[in-house]
């Protein structure tokens, strides 16, 4: 899991959920966000942080459906 994604998750989900996601990341990364146990409020917080810190556009927002999408977005943004 990308370090930037870890930071985002640590800020927006409980420690227990973070550890569960980290442990199961390879299996869960393509699952829908809500299937991983992330609730809608936490998901919105993640999206707000992505917009504020990485200039998440409305177009890209609609492409984020799972943890892998977030990770790929962060990889692209960190290249810039």
PDB file of N, CA and C in Angstrom:
ATOM      1  N   UNK A   1       0.852  -1.173   0.000  1.00  0.00           N
ATOM      2  CA  UNK A   1       0.000   0.000   0.000  1.00  0.00           C
ATOM      3  C   UNK A   1       0.899   1.237   0.000  1.00  0.00           C
ATOM      4  N   UNK A   2       0.553   2.181  -0.805  1.00  0.00           N
ATOM      5  CA  UNK A   2       1.291   3.432  -0.940  1.00  0.00           C
ATOM      6  C   UNK A   2       1.244   4.218   0.379  1.00  0.00           C
ATOM      7  N   UNK A   3       2.358   4.804   0.759  1.00  0.00           N
ATOM      8  CA  UNK A   3       2.458   5.548   2.008  1.00  0.00           C
ATOM      9  C   UNK A   3       1.420   6.677   2.080  1.00  0.00           C
ATOM     10  N   UNK A   4       1.214   7.371   0.999  1.00  0.00           N
ATOM     11  CA  UNK A   4       0.229   8.467   0.980  1.00  0.00           C
ATOM     12  C   UNK A   4      -1.181   7.947   1.254  1.00  0.00           C
ATOM     13  N   UNK A   5      -1.499   6.784   0.730  1.00  0.00           N
ATOM     14  CA  UNK A   5      -2.809   6.182   0.990  1.00  0.00           C
ATOM     15  C   UNK A   5      -2.918   5.790   2.458  1.00  0.00           C
ATOM     16  N   UNK A   6      -1.854   5.258   3.014  1.00  0.00           N
ATOM     17  CA  UNK A   6      -1.844   4.918   4.439  1.00  0.00           C
ATOM     18  C   UNK A   6      -2.137   6.154   5.280  1.00  0.00           C
ATOM     19  N   UNK A   7      -1.489   7.269   4.959  1.00  0.00           N
ATOM     20  CA  UNK A   7      -1.710   8.513   5.708  1.00  0.00           C
ATOM     21  C   UNK A   7      -3.167   8.939   5.640  1.00  0.00           C
ATOM     22  N   UNK A   8      -3.747   8.884   4.451  1.00  0.00           N
ATOM     23  CA  UNK A   8      -5.158   9.254   4.290  1.00  0.00           C
ATOM     24  C   UNK A   8      -6.069   8.369   5.128  1.00  0.00           C
ATOM     25  N   UNK A   9      -5.844   7.082   5.049  1.00  0.00           N
ATOM     26  CA  UNK A   9      -6.688   6.152   5.792  1.00  0.00           C
ATOM     27  C   UNK A   9      -6.544   6.347   7.298  1.00  0.00           C
ATOM     28  N   UNK A  10      -5.325   6.567   7.771  1.00  0.00           N
ATOM     29  CA  UNK A  10      -5.099   6.776   9.201  1.00  0.00           C
ATOM     30  C   UNK A  10      -5.854   7.998   9.711  1.00  0.00           C
ATOM     31  N   UNK A  11      -5.997   9.004   8.857  1.00  0.00           N
ATOM     32  CA  UNK A  11      -6.700  10.224   9.249  1.00  0.00           C
ATOM     33  C   UNK A  11      -8.220  10.054   9.274  1.00  0.00           C
ATOM     34  N   UNK A  12      -8.729   9.104   8.503  1.00  0.00           N
ATOM     35  CA  UNK A  12     -10.180   9.077   8.291  1.00  0.00           C
ATOM     36  C   UNK A  12     -10.898   7.810   8.744  1.00  0.00           C
ATOM     37  N   UNK A  13     -10.167   6.794   9.133  1.00  0.00           N
ATOM     38  CA  UNK A  13     -10.833   5.580   9.626  1.00  0.00           C
ATOM     39  C   UNK A  13     -10.250   5.210  10.987  1.00  0.00           C
ATOM     40  N   UNK A  14     -10.957   4.369  11.713  1.00  0.00           N
ATOM     41  CA  UNK A  14     -10.477   3.944  13.028  1.00  0.00           C
ATOM     42  C   UNK A  14      -9.180   3.141  12.877  1.00  0.00           C
ATOM     43  N   UNK A  15      -8.444   3.068  13.962  1.00  0.00           N
ATOM     44  CA  UNK A  15      -7.186   2.315  13.960  1.00  0.00           C
ATOM     45  C   UNK A  15      -7.443   0.843  13.633  1.00  0.00           C
ATOM     46  N   UNK A  16      -8.507   0.279  14.211  1.00  0.00           N
ATOM     47  CA  UNK A  16      -8.836  -1.128  13.946  1.00  0.00           C
ATOM     48  C   UNK A  16      -9.140  -1.366  12.474  1.00  0.00           C
ATOM     49  N   UNK A  17      -9.933  -0.471  11.888  1.00  0.00           N
ATOM     50  CA  UNK A  17     -10.275  -0.629  10.471  1.00  0.00           C
ATOM     51  C   UNK A  17      -9.039  -0.427   9.604  1.00  0.00           C
ATOM     52  N   UNK A  18      -8.213   0.555   9.952  1.00  0.00           N
ATOM     53  CA  UNK A  18      -6.981   0.772   9.192  1.00  0.00           C
ATOM     54  C   UNK A  18      -6.127  -0.491   9.177  1.00  0.00           C
ATOM     55  N   UNK A  19      -5.934  -1.096  10.343  1.00  0.00           N
ATOM     56  CA  UNK A  19      -5.109  -2.304  10.428  1.00  0.00           C
ATOM     57  C   UNK A  19      -5.729  -3.451   9.632  1.00  0.00           C
ATOM     58  N   UNK A  20      -7.049  -3.555   9.658  1.00  0.00           N
ATOM     59  CA  UNK A  20      -7.721  -4.606   8.893  1.00  0.00           C
ATOM     60  C   UNK A  20      -7.560  -4.380   7.388  1.00  0.00           C
ATOM     61  N   UNK A  21      -7.706  -3.131   6.965  1.00  0.00           N
ATOM     62  CA  UNK A  21      -7.517  -2.807   5.546  1.00  0.00           C
ATOM     63  C   UNK A  21      -6.073  -3.083   5.130  1.00  0.00           C
ATOM     64  N   UNK A  22      -5.128  -2.657   5.956  1.00  0.00           N
ATOM     65  CA  UNK A  22      -3.710  -2.856   5.627  1.00  0.00           C
ATOM     66  C   UNK A  22      -3.389  -4.346   5.506  1.00  0.00           C
ATOM     67  N   UNK A  23      -3.915  -5.132   6.425  1.00  0.00           N
ATOM     68  CA  UNK A  23      -3.663  -6.574   6.419  1.00  0.00           C
ATOM     69  C   UNK A  23      -4.271  -7.264   5.197  1.00  0.00           C
ATOM     70  N   UNK A  24      -5.405  -6.772   4.733  1.00  0.00           N
ATOM     71  CA  UNK A  24      -6.128  -7.402   3.631  1.00  0.00           C
ATOM     72  C   UNK A  24      -6.061  -6.604   2.327  1.00  0.00           C
ATOM     73  N   UNK A  25      -5.160  -5.636   2.264  1.00  0.00           N
ATOM     74  CA  UNK A  25      -5.152  -4.697   1.143  1.00  0.00           C
ATOM     75  C   UNK A  25      -5.117  -5.376  -0.225  1.00  0.00           C
ATOM     76  N   UNK A  26      -4.254  -6.341  -0.403  1.00  0.00           N
ATOM     77  CA  UNK A  26      -4.136  -6.985  -1.711  1.00  0.00           C
ATOM     78  C   UNK A  26      -5.452  -7.640  -2.151  1.00  0.00           C
ATOM     79  N   UNK A  27      -6.193  -8.173  -1.208  1.00  0.00           N
ATOM     80  CA  UNK A  27      -7.482  -8.791  -1.531  1.00  0.00           C
ATOM     81  C   UNK A  27      -8.597  -7.770  -1.667  1.00  0.00           C
ATOM     82  N   UNK A  28      -8.515  -6.683  -0.925  1.00  0.00           N
ATOM     83  CA  UNK A  28      -9.610  -5.717  -0.849  1.00  0.00           C
ATOM     84  C   UNK A  28      -9.464  -4.520  -1.779  1.00  0.00           C
ATOM     85  N   UNK A  29      -8.298  -4.302  -2.367  1.00  0.00           N
ATOM     86  CA  UNK A  29      -8.060  -3.053  -3.089  1.00  0.00           C
ATOM     87  C   UNK A  29      -9.014  -2.812  -4.251  1.00  0.00           C
ATOM     88  N   UNK A  30      -9.571  -3.866  -4.822  1.00  0.00           N
ATOM     89  CA  UNK A  30     -10.504  -3.678  -5.936  1.00  0.00           C
ATOM     90  C   UNK A  30     -11.968  -3.708  -5.495  1.00  0.00           C
ATOM     91  N   UNK A  31     -12.209  -3.923  -4.209  1.00  0.00           N
ATOM     92  CA  UNK A  31     -13.578  -3.902  -3.683  1.00  0.00           C
ATOM     93  C   UNK A  31     -14.088  -2.458  -3.650  1.00  0.00           C
ATOM     94  N   UNK A  32     -15.397  -2.303  -3.659  1.00  0.00           N
ATOM     95  CA  UNK A  32     -15.953  -0.961  -3.509  1.00  0.00           C
ATOM     96  C   UNK A  32     -15.516  -0.399  -2.158  1.00  0.00           C
ATOM     97  N   UNK A  33     -15.417   0.896  -2.082  1.00  0.00           N
ATOM     98  CA  UNK A  33     -14.978   1.557  -0.851  1.00  0.00           C
ATOM     99  C   UNK A  33     -15.799   1.076   0.340  1.00  0.00           C
ATOM    100  N   UNK A  34     -17.112   1.010   0.181  1.00  0.00           N
ATOM    101  CA  UNK A  34     -17.977   0.674   1.303  1.00  0.00           C
ATOM    102  C   UNK A  34     -17.882  -0.799   1.690  1.00  0.00           C
ATOM    103  N   UNK A  35     -17.463  -1.649   0.784  1.00  0.00           N
ATOM    104  CA  UNK A  35     -17.276  -3.072   1.096  1.00  0.00           C
ATOM    105  C   UNK A  35     -16.075  -3.309   2.008  1.00  0.00           C
ATOM    106  N   UNK A  36     -15.180  -2.335   2.078  1.00  0.00           N
ATOM    107  CA  UNK A  36     -14.006  -2.460   2.938  1.00  0.00           C
ATOM    108  C   UNK A  36     -14.301  -2.057   4.375  1.00  0.00           C
ATOM    109  N   UNK A  37     -15.487  -1.507   4.616  1.00  0.00           N
ATOM    110  CA  UNK A  37     -15.852  -1.057   5.961  1.00  0.00           C
ATOM    111  C   UNK A  37     -15.741   0.446   6.143  1.00  0.00           C
ATOM    112  N   UNK A  38     -15.279   1.142   5.118  1.00  0.00           N
ATOM    113  CA  UNK A  38     -15.192   2.601   5.184  1.00  0.00           C
ATOM    114  C   UNK A  38     -16.602   3.158   5.038  1.00  0.00           C
ATOM    115  N   UNK A  39     -17.007   4.014   5.975  1.00  0.00           N
ATOM    116  CA  UNK A  39     -18.361   4.580   5.897  1.00  0.00           C
ATOM    117  C   UNK A  39     -18.375   5.834   5.027  1.00  0.00           C
ATOM    118  N   UNK A  40     -19.559   6.331   4.742  1.00  0.00           N
ATOM    119  CA  UNK A  40     -19.695   7.450   3.809  1.00  0.00           C
ATOM    120  C   UNK A  40     -19.042   8.725   4.332  1.00  0.00           C
ATOM    121  N   UNK A  41     -19.100   8.973   5.626  1.00  0.00           N
ATOM    122  CA  UNK A  41     -18.477  10.168   6.187  1.00  0.00           C
ATOM    123  C   UNK A  41     -16.950  10.111   6.038  1.00  0.00           C
ATOM    124  N   UNK A  42     -16.376   8.959   6.312  1.00  0.00           N
ATOM    125  CA  UNK A  42     -14.930   8.788   6.147  1.00  0.00           C
ATOM    126  C   UNK A  42     -14.528   8.923   4.679  1.00  0.00           C
ATOM    127  N   UNK A  43     -15.342   8.346   3.793  1.00  0.00           N
ATOM    128  CA  UNK A  43     -15.076   8.429   2.353  1.00  0.00           C
ATOM    129  C   UNK A  43     -15.097   9.885   1.888  1.00  0.00           C
ATOM    130  N   UNK A  44     -16.083  10.640   2.377  1.00  0.00           N
ATOM    131  CA  UNK A  44     -16.155  12.049   1.993  1.00  0.00           C
ATOM    132  C   UNK A  44     -14.930  12.815   2.509  1.00  0.00           C
ATOM    133  N   UNK A  45     -14.480  12.499   3.718  1.00  0.00           N
ATOM    134  CA  UNK A  45     -13.280  13.132   4.253  1.00  0.00           C
ATOM    135  C   UNK A  45     -12.063  12.838   3.401  1.00  0.00           C
ATOM    136  N   UNK A  46     -11.956  11.601   2.946  1.00  0.00           N
ATOM    137  CA  UNK A  46     -10.839  11.215   2.065  1.00  0.00           C
ATOM    138  C   UNK A  46     -10.897  12.019   0.770  1.00  0.00           C
ATOM    139  N   UNK A  47     -12.087  12.127   0.190  1.00  0.00           N
ATOM    140  CA  UNK A  47     -12.234  12.875  -1.062  1.00  0.00           C
ATOM    141  C   UNK A  47     -11.923  14.357  -0.873  1.00  0.00           C
ATOM    142  N   UNK A  48     -12.354  14.930   0.242  1.00  0.00           N
ATOM    143  CA  UNK A  48     -12.060  16.340   0.524  1.00  0.00           C
ATOM    144  C   UNK A  48     -10.553  16.540   0.636  1.00  0.00           C
ATOM    145  N   UNK A  49      -9.868  15.643   1.328  1.00  0.00           N
ATOM    146  CA  UNK A  49      -8.407  15.738   1.424  1.00  0.00           C
ATOM    147  C   UNK A  49      -7.743  15.599   0.064  1.00  0.00           C
ATOM    148  N   UNK A  50      -8.233  14.690  -0.757  1.00  0.00           N
ATOM    149  CA  UNK A  50      -7.667  14.525  -2.098  1.00  0.00           C
ATOM    150  C   UNK A  50      -7.856  15.798  -2.922  1.00  0.00           C
ATOM    151  N   UNK A  51      -9.013  16.421  -2.781  1.00  0.00           N
ATOM    152  CA  UNK A  51      -9.263  17.662  -3.509  1.00  0.00           C
ATOM    153  C   UNK A  51      -8.368  18.784  -2.993  1.00  0.00           C
ATOM    154  N   UNK A  52      -8.268  18.911  -1.693  1.00  0.00           N
ATOM    155  CA  UNK A  52      -7.498  20.006  -1.098  1.00  0.00           C
ATOM    156  C   UNK A  52      -5.995  19.850  -1.307  1.00  0.00           C
ATOM    157  N   UNK A  53      -5.497  18.631  -1.182  1.00  0.00           N
ATOM    158  CA  UNK A  53      -4.053  18.415  -1.212  1.00  0.00           C
ATOM    159  C   UNK A  53      -3.504  17.965  -2.559  1.00  0.00           C
ATOM    160  N   UNK A  54      -4.363  17.426  -3.405  1.00  0.00           N
ATOM    161  CA  UNK A  54      -3.882  16.866  -4.675  1.00  0.00           C
ATOM    162  C   UNK A  54      -4.687  17.347  -5.875  1.00  0.00           C
ATOM    163  N   UNK A  55      -5.515  18.363  -5.685  1.00  0.00           N
ATOM    164  CA  UNK A  55      -6.309  18.940  -6.780  1.00  0.00           C
ATOM    165  C   UNK A  55      -7.164  17.904  -7.506  1.00  0.00           C
ATOM    166  N   UNK A  56      -7.857  17.089  -6.742  1.00  0.00           N
ATOM    167  CA  UNK A  56      -8.771  16.103  -7.320  1.00  0.00           C
ATOM    168  C   UNK A  56      -9.845  16.835  -8.112  1.00  0.00           C
ATOM    169  N   UNK A  57      -9.938  16.549  -9.387  1.00  0.00           N
ATOM    170  CA  UNK A  57     -10.935  17.192 -10.243  1.00  0.00           C
ATOM    171  C   UNK A  57     -12.253  16.433 -10.166  1.00  0.00           C
ATOM    172  N   UNK A  58     -13.320  17.089 -10.604  1.00  0.00           N
ATOM    173  CA  UNK A  58     -14.631  16.443 -10.613  1.00  0.00           C
ATOM    174  C   UNK A  58     -14.618  15.227 -11.535  1.00  0.00           C
ATOM    175  N   UNK A  59     -13.905  15.330 -12.638  1.00  0.00           N
ATOM    176  CA  UNK A  59     -13.795  14.206 -13.572  1.00  0.00           C
ATOM    177  C   UNK A  59     -13.141  12.998 -12.896  1.00  0.00           C
ATOM    178  N   UNK A  60     -12.032  13.234 -12.214  1.00  0.00           N
ATOM    179  CA  UNK A  60     -11.330  12.150 -11.523  1.00  0.00           C
ATOM    180  C   UNK A  60     -12.144  11.612 -10.349  1.00  0.00           C
ATOM    181  N   UNK A  61     -12.903  12.494  -9.709  1.00  0.00           N
ATOM    182  CA  UNK A  61     -13.740  12.090  -8.583  1.00  0.00           C
ATOM    183  C   UNK A  61     -14.660  10.944  -8.970  1.00  0.00           C
ATOM    184  N   UNK A  62     -15.215  11.025 -10.151  1.00  0.00           N
ATOM    185  CA  UNK A  62     -16.154  10.001 -10.617  1.00  0.00           C
ATOM    186  C   UNK A  62     -15.458   8.695 -10.983  1.00  0.00           C
ATOM    187  N   UNK A  63     -14.141   8.725 -11.084  1.00  0.00           N
ATOM    188  CA  UNK A  63     -13.383   7.521 -11.413  1.00  0.00           C
ATOM    189  C   UNK A  63     -12.929   6.757 -10.170  1.00  0.00           C
ATOM    190  N   UNK A  64     -13.117   7.337  -8.984  1.00  0.00           N
ATOM    191  CA  UNK A  64     -12.656   6.707  -7.748  1.00  0.00           C
ATOM    192  C   UNK A  64     -13.775   5.873  -7.142  1.00  0.00           C
ATOM    193  N   UNK A  65     -13.588   4.566  -7.197  1.00  0.00           N
ATOM    194  CA  UNK A  65     -14.592   3.638  -6.684  1.00  0.00           C
ATOM    195  C   UNK A  65     -14.038   2.654  -5.666  1.00  0.00           C
ATOM    196  N   UNK A  66     -12.711   2.592  -5.559  1.00  0.00           N
ATOM    197  CA  UNK A  66     -12.096   1.621  -4.640  1.00  0.00           C
ATOM    198  C   UNK A  66     -10.727   2.131  -4.194  1.00  0.00           C
ATOM    199  N   UNK A  67     -10.098   1.385  -3.316  1.00  0.00           N
ATOM    200  CA  UNK A  67      -8.795   1.793  -2.779  1.00  0.00           C
ATOM    201  C   UNK A  67      -7.723   1.840  -3.861  1.00  0.00           C
ATOM    202  N   UNK A  68      -7.792   0.940  -4.802  1.00  0.00           N
ATOM    203  CA  UNK A  68      -6.808   0.919  -5.888  1.00  0.00           C
ATOM    204  C   UNK A  68      -6.929   2.185  -6.740  1.00  0.00           C
ATOM    205  N   UNK A  69      -8.143   2.651  -6.976  1.00  0.00           N
ATOM    206  CA  UNK A  69      -8.329   3.895  -7.734  1.00  0.00           C
ATOM    207  C   UNK A  69      -7.684   5.072  -7.009  1.00  0.00           C
ATOM    208  N   UNK A  70      -7.854   5.114  -5.683  1.00  0.00           N
ATOM    209  CA  UNK A  70      -7.233   6.184  -4.896  1.00  0.00           C
ATOM    210  C   UNK A  70      -5.710   6.077  -4.997  1.00  0.00           C
ATOM    211  N   UNK A  71      -5.203   4.874  -4.863  1.00  0.00           N
ATOM    212  CA  UNK A  71      -3.761   4.667  -4.930  1.00  0.00           C
ATOM    213  C   UNK A  71      -3.209   5.088  -6.293  1.00  0.00           C
ATOM    214  N   UNK A  72      -3.869   4.709  -7.369  1.00  0.00           N
ATOM    215  CA  UNK A  72      -3.410   5.088  -8.714  1.00  0.00           C
ATOM    216  C   UNK A  72      -3.454   6.599  -8.904  1.00  0.00           C
ATOM    217  N   UNK A  73      -4.500   7.240  -8.377  1.00  0.00           N
ATOM    218  CA  UNK A  73      -4.589   8.697  -8.444  1.00  0.00           C
ATOM    219  C   UNK A  73      -3.406   9.328  -7.708  1.00  0.00           C
ATOM    220  N   UNK A  74      -3.120   8.838  -6.515  1.00  0.00           N
ATOM    221  CA  UNK A  74      -2.001   9.377  -5.734  1.00  0.00           C
ATOM    222  C   UNK A  74      -0.659   9.162  -6.431  1.00  0.00           C
ATOM    223  N   UNK A  75      -0.479   8.018  -7.047  1.00  0.00           N
ATOM    224  CA  UNK A  75       0.766   7.758  -7.784  1.00  0.00           C
ATOM    225  C   UNK A  75       0.936   8.769  -8.900  1.00  0.00           C
ATOM    226  N   UNK A  76      -0.126   9.016  -9.632  1.00  0.00           N
ATOM    227  CA  UNK A  76      -0.066  10.003 -10.725  1.00  0.00           C
ATOM    228  C   UNK A  76       0.227  11.410 -10.197  1.00  0.00           C
ATOM    229  N   UNK A  77      -0.424  11.775  -9.108  1.00  0.00           N
ATOM    230  CA  UNK A  77      -0.225  13.110  -8.548  1.00  0.00           C
ATOM    231  C   UNK A  77       1.178  13.285  -7.969  1.00  0.00           C
ATOM    232  N   UNK A  78       1.723  12.248  -7.408  1.00  0.00           N
ATOM    233  CA  UNK A  78       3.067  12.342  -6.829  1.00  0.00           C
ATOM    234  C   UNK A  78       4.146  12.423  -7.907  1.00  0.00           C
ATOM    235  N   UNK A  79       3.820  12.000  -9.119  1.00  0.00           N
ATOM    236  CA  UNK A  79       4.766  12.102 -10.243  1.00  0.00           C
ATOM    237  C   UNK A  79       4.907  13.537 -10.713  1.00  0.00           C
ATOM    238  N   UNK A  80       3.876  14.346 -10.472  1.00  0.00           N
ATOM    239  CA  UNK A  80       3.863  15.740 -10.983  1.00  0.00           C
ATOM    240  C   UNK A  80       4.808  16.614 -10.214  1.00  0.00           C
TER     241      UNK A  80
END
